[in-house]
Protein backbone atom coordinates (compact mmCIF):
# COMPACT_ATOMS: atom_id res chain seq x y z
CA MET A 1 0.00 0.00 0.00
CA MET A 2 1.06 3.60 -0.45
CA GLY A 3 2.00 5.30 2.78
CA SER A 4 1.53 8.85 3.95
CA SER A 5 1.89 11.30 1.08
CA LEU A 6 4.08 14.13 2.29
CA GLY A 7 3.54 16.50 -0.60
CA LEU A 8 5.90 18.57 -2.71
CA ALA A 9 8.37 21.26 -1.74
CA ILE A 10 11.09 23.25 -3.46
CA PRO A 11 14.45 22.30 -1.89
CA THR A 12 15.97 25.22 -0.02
CA SER A 13 17.21 23.48 3.12
CA ALA A 14 20.61 23.29 4.81
CA GLY A 15 21.94 26.49 3.26
CA GLY A 16 21.41 25.33 -0.34
CA GLY A 17 19.12 26.75 -2.99
CA ASN A 18 17.34 25.30 -5.99
CA VAL A 19 20.08 25.56 -8.62
CA ALA A 20 19.22 22.03 -9.80
CA LEU A 21 15.86 23.28 -11.08
CA SER A 22 17.23 26.27 -12.99
CA ILE A 23 20.09 24.99 -15.16
CA ALA A 24 20.27 23.27 -18.56
CA GLY A 25 16.54 23.57 -19.16
CA GLY A 26 15.82 21.86 -15.86
CA PRO A 27 16.35 18.22 -14.86
CA ALA A 28 14.48 15.22 -16.18
CA VAL A 29 14.34 13.99 -12.58
CA TYR A 30 15.44 15.45 -9.25
CA TYR A 31 15.16 13.54 -5.97
CA ASP A 32 16.19 15.43 -2.81
CA ALA A 33 16.09 13.55 0.50
CA SER A 34 16.89 16.71 2.47
CA VAL A 35 13.25 17.71 1.93
CA PRO A 36 11.16 15.35 4.11
CA THR A 37 7.96 16.33 2.29
CA THR A 38 9.23 14.48 -0.80
CA ILE A 39 9.34 11.18 1.09
CA SER A 40 6.31 8.90 1.54
CA ILE A 41 6.61 6.22 4.23
CA ASP A 42 4.77 2.91 4.35
CA THR A 43 6.89 0.16 5.95
CA GLY A 44 9.84 1.95 4.36
CA VAL A 45 10.01 4.53 1.58
CA ASP A 46 7.25 3.67 -0.86
CA ALA A 47 7.60 6.87 -2.90
CA TRP A 48 10.23 9.56 -3.46
CA THR A 49 8.78 12.62 -5.19
CA ASP A 50 10.43 13.95 -8.34
CA LEU A 51 10.96 17.70 -7.89
CA SER A 52 11.63 18.33 -11.59
CA GLY A 53 7.93 18.81 -12.37
CA ASN A 54 7.99 15.90 -14.83
CA GLY A 55 6.20 13.51 -12.49
CA ASN A 56 8.88 10.81 -12.59
CA HIS A 57 8.33 9.76 -8.98
CA ILE A 58 10.15 6.58 -7.95
CA VAL A 59 7.99 4.12 -6.05
CA ASN A 60 7.73 0.58 -4.67
CA THR A 61 4.54 -0.80 -3.14
CA THR A 62 6.20 -4.05 -1.95
CA ASP A 63 6.97 -3.51 1.75
CA ALA A 64 10.02 -5.80 1.88
CA GLU A 65 11.68 -3.96 -1.02
CA GLN A 66 11.33 -0.44 0.37
CA PRO A 67 14.48 1.44 1.46
CA THR A 68 14.63 3.22 4.81
CA TYR A 69 14.71 6.96 5.46
CA ALA A 70 16.36 8.86 8.32
CA ASN A 71 18.14 12.19 8.77
CA GLY A 72 17.81 13.22 5.14
CA VAL A 73 19.15 9.95 3.70
CA VAL A 74 17.43 7.18 1.72
CA SER A 75 19.24 3.89 2.47
CA PHE A 76 19.02 0.86 0.17
CA ASP A 77 19.86 -2.52 1.74
CA GLY A 78 21.70 -4.19 -1.16
CA THR A 79 19.39 -7.21 -1.02
CA ASP A 80 16.15 -6.25 -2.75
CA ASP A 81 15.46 -2.56 -2.07
CA VAL A 82 14.65 -0.58 -5.21
CA LEU A 83 12.54 2.42 -6.23
CA THR A 84 11.25 2.62 -9.79
CA ALA A 85 9.87 5.19 -12.22
CA PRO A 86 8.12 3.83 -15.32
CA GLY A 87 9.44 4.76 -18.76
CA ALA A 88 8.44 8.29 -19.76
CA ALA A 89 9.32 10.65 -22.60
CA SER A 90 11.30 12.94 -20.29
CA LEU A 91 13.51 9.98 -19.30
CA THR A 92 13.96 8.47 -22.76
CA ASP A 93 17.44 8.32 -24.36
CA ILE A 94 18.86 11.02 -22.11
CA MET A 95 22.43 10.38 -23.26
CA ALA A 96 21.61 10.80 -26.94
CA GLY A 97 23.33 14.09 -27.73
CA GLY A 98 24.68 14.30 -24.18
CA GLY A 99 23.25 13.43 -20.78
CA TYR A 100 24.33 14.34 -17.26
CA ILE A 101 23.88 12.54 -13.92
CA ILE A 102 24.79 13.99 -10.53
CA PHE A 103 24.20 12.30 -7.18
CA VAL A 104 25.27 12.54 -3.54
CA SER A 105 25.98 9.18 -1.92
CA LYS A 106 28.05 7.06 0.43
CA LEU A 107 28.66 3.32 0.32
CA PRO A 108 28.12 1.47 3.63
CA ALA A 109 30.81 -0.95 4.79
CA GLY A 110 28.96 -3.96 3.35
CA ALA A 111 28.63 -2.59 -0.20
CA VAL A 112 29.78 -4.91 -3.01
CA ASN A 113 29.90 -4.79 -6.82
CA ALA A 114 26.33 -4.14 -7.97
CA PRO A 115 24.19 -1.78 -10.08
CA PHE A 116 22.73 1.22 -8.27
CA ILE A 117 21.09 3.26 -11.08
CA ASP A 118 19.70 1.49 -14.12
CA LYS A 119 17.76 2.78 -17.13
CA ALA A 120 16.77 -0.37 -19.01
CA LEU A 121 20.23 -1.63 -19.95
CA GLY A 122 19.65 -4.82 -21.90
CA THR A 123 16.91 -3.27 -24.02
CA GLY A 124 18.98 -0.14 -24.70
CA GLY A 125 19.58 2.48 -22.06
CA TRP A 126 22.41 2.69 -19.56
CA ARG A 127 23.51 1.54 -16.13
CA LEU A 128 25.78 2.73 -13.32
CA THR A 129 27.44 -0.04 -11.30
CA THR A 130 30.14 -0.21 -8.65
CA THR A 131 33.13 -2.42 -9.38
CA SER A 132 36.46 -3.30 -7.70
CA THR A 133 34.77 -2.49 -4.39
CA SER A 134 37.13 -2.51 -1.41
CA GLY A 135 37.20 -1.25 2.16
CA VAL A 136 37.86 2.25 0.83
CA GLY A 137 35.18 2.52 -1.82
CA ALA A 138 34.43 1.55 -5.41
CA LEU A 139 35.14 2.36 -9.01
CA VAL A 140 32.22 3.65 -11.07
CA ASP A 141 31.25 1.56 -14.10
CA LEU A 142 29.08 3.09 -16.86
CA ARG A 143 27.50 0.85 -19.50
CA THR A 144 25.46 2.06 -22.47
CA GLY A 145 23.33 0.06 -24.88
CA HIS A 146 24.33 -0.14 -28.56
CA ALA A 147 23.03 -2.18 -31.50
CA THR A 148 26.00 -4.56 -31.78
CA THR A 149 28.17 -4.20 -28.67
CA ASP A 150 27.39 -2.24 -25.51
CA GLY A 151 29.93 0.34 -24.39
CA ARG A 152 31.60 0.16 -20.99
CA TRP A 153 33.84 2.64 -19.16
CA ILE A 154 35.31 2.49 -15.64
CA SER A 155 36.82 5.18 -13.43
CA ASP A 156 40.49 4.62 -12.61
CA THR A 157 40.12 5.39 -8.90
CA ARG A 158 37.52 4.54 -6.26
CA ILE A 159 35.56 7.78 -6.52
CA MET A 160 32.60 6.35 -4.56
CA SER A 161 33.63 6.40 -0.92
CA LYS A 162 32.75 4.29 2.11
CA SER A 163 34.01 6.91 4.55
CA ALA A 164 32.22 10.10 3.48
CA TYR A 165 29.48 11.41 1.25
CA SER A 166 30.64 12.43 -2.22
CA ILE A 167 29.15 14.42 -5.07
CA ILE A 168 29.57 12.25 -8.17
CA GLU A 169 29.03 13.47 -11.74
CA VAL A 170 28.82 11.27 -14.83
CA TYR A 171 28.18 12.74 -18.27
CA HIS A 172 28.35 11.25 -21.73
CA ASP A 173 27.15 11.56 -25.33
CA THR A 174 26.22 8.15 -26.76
CA ASP A 175 25.89 9.57 -30.26
CA ASP A 176 29.69 9.93 -30.38
CA VAL A 177 31.21 6.45 -29.90
CA ALA A 178 34.69 7.99 -29.67
CA ASN A 179 33.64 10.20 -26.76
CA ASN A 180 34.58 8.73 -23.39
CA PRO A 181 32.38 9.82 -20.49
CA THR A 182 33.52 12.22 -17.80
CA MET A 183 33.36 11.16 -14.14
CA THR A 184 34.12 13.45 -11.21
CA ASN A 185 34.35 13.22 -7.43
CA ASN A 186 33.55 16.50 -5.64
CA GLY A 187 34.41 18.40 -8.81
CA VAL A 188 37.73 16.67 -9.53
CA ALA A 189 37.72 14.74 -12.81
CA ASP A 190 38.97 11.17 -12.70
CA THR A 191 40.70 9.32 -15.51
CA VAL A 192 38.21 7.01 -17.23
CA THR A 193 39.28 3.85 -19.06
CA GLU A 194 37.30 2.34 -21.91
CA ASN A 195 36.72 -1.32 -21.08
CA THR A 196 34.55 -2.16 -24.10
CA THR A 197 34.25 -0.05 -27.25
CA PRO A 198 30.62 0.45 -28.28
CA VAL A 199 29.72 -0.84 -31.73
CA GLY A 200 26.62 0.21 -33.64
CA SER A 201 24.04 2.90 -33.02
CA PRO A 202 22.78 3.56 -29.49
CA THR A 203 19.62 1.57 -28.77
CA SER A 204 16.54 3.29 -27.39
CA ASP A 205 15.29 2.80 -23.83
CA SER A 206 11.90 4.35 -24.59
CA SER A 207 9.84 1.77 -22.69
CA GLY A 208 12.32 1.04 -19.92
CA ASN A 209 12.02 1.81 -16.23
CA LEU A 210 14.41 3.92 -14.19
CA ASP A 211 15.53 1.84 -11.18
CA VAL A 212 17.35 3.40 -8.22
CA GLY A 213 19.04 1.13 -5.69
CA GLY A 214 19.61 -1.73 -8.10
CA ASN A 215 17.92 -3.68 -10.85
CA PRO A 216 15.54 -6.56 -10.07
CA GLY A 217 17.20 -8.80 -12.67
CA SER A 218 20.83 -7.78 -12.16
CA GLY A 219 21.40 -7.18 -8.46
CA HIS A 220 21.08 -4.48 -5.83
CA GLN A 221 23.52 -2.11 -4.17
CA GLU A 222 23.77 -1.18 -0.52
CA ILE A 223 23.96 2.60 -0.81
CA ASP A 224 22.98 5.72 1.11
CA MET A 225 21.66 8.49 -1.14
CA LYS A 226 20.94 12.13 -0.36
CA ALA A 227 20.13 13.33 -3.87
CA LEU A 228 19.97 12.37 -7.54
CA ALA A 229 19.40 14.59 -10.58
CA ILE A 230 19.47 13.57 -14.26
CA TYR A 231 19.57 15.97 -17.21
CA ARG A 232 18.89 15.46 -20.91
CA THR A 233 21.66 17.91 -21.83
CA ILE A 234 25.10 18.48 -20.34
CA PRO A 235 25.19 21.74 -18.36
CA THR A 236 27.96 24.22 -19.07
CA ALA A 237 31.09 24.16 -16.93
CA THR A 238 29.81 27.23 -15.07
CA GLU A 239 26.44 25.58 -14.44
CA ARG A 240 28.05 22.35 -13.24
CA ALA A 241 30.25 24.27 -10.79
CA SER A 242 27.24 26.21 -9.52
CA LEU A 243 25.28 22.99 -9.02
CA ARG A 244 28.16 21.27 -7.19
CA GLN A 245 28.59 24.26 -4.88
CA ASP A 246 24.87 24.32 -4.15
CA PHE A 247 24.84 20.58 -3.44
CA GLY A 248 27.95 20.99 -1.29
CA ARG A 249 26.24 23.59 0.90
CA LYS A 250 23.00 21.64 1.08
CA TYR A 251 24.45 18.20 1.80
CA GLY A 252 27.61 19.14 3.72
CA VAL A 253 30.19 18.03 1.14
CA ALA A 254 33.37 19.96 0.34
CA THR A 255 33.67 20.41 -3.43
CA VAL A 256 35.35 22.57 -6.07
């Protein structure tokens, strides 16, 4: 069952503003756990309101698969917790021509290699996964769907931390197969290595769900998340810096 609906609010808490809503034409989705009124509680979190205005709320009505919420953090258990938004036009093929993902997260001690954001990889789309997970943290692994061979790129260092919250950015243009994605930790770009060269045109994810916390067919990640925003275009360098600084103030993360 759906729990208490806590409504909608523009995020202005903890010293931050609403920069996420004002850049690059606005986000396709924006989930902000620092605003309690965006969280609906049943047994756990059964809905997390999308602040973008596009209505891409992520939900799960199965009690045992609902993440927990406390102190401005949505925590996924790494076993079966997941929140899902159904396929929608505003979420379709966001990396075609250039897409941008920014999130604030920390990996608990028990985190292992597993997907944590998935947009219908396997029928097109893309997926973010942790890999080479250690006691320090994890590398970030981006995979994108292509007609012949899916592309895969991995950060060279463990930019997802187990000791502190980090602001992670991933942006990429799937229309340019020679264009490696950019990945940053708190504004510092990491070297990214191409693991598998994509072959063929990008495949569409038009009917695919957005899953946060894992993918029901591919595994789940134990992860604590404070925020996630996804854009259909890549913001300018000035806009990205402004967004990082705003997130840093709001979520208590030092960034450049």
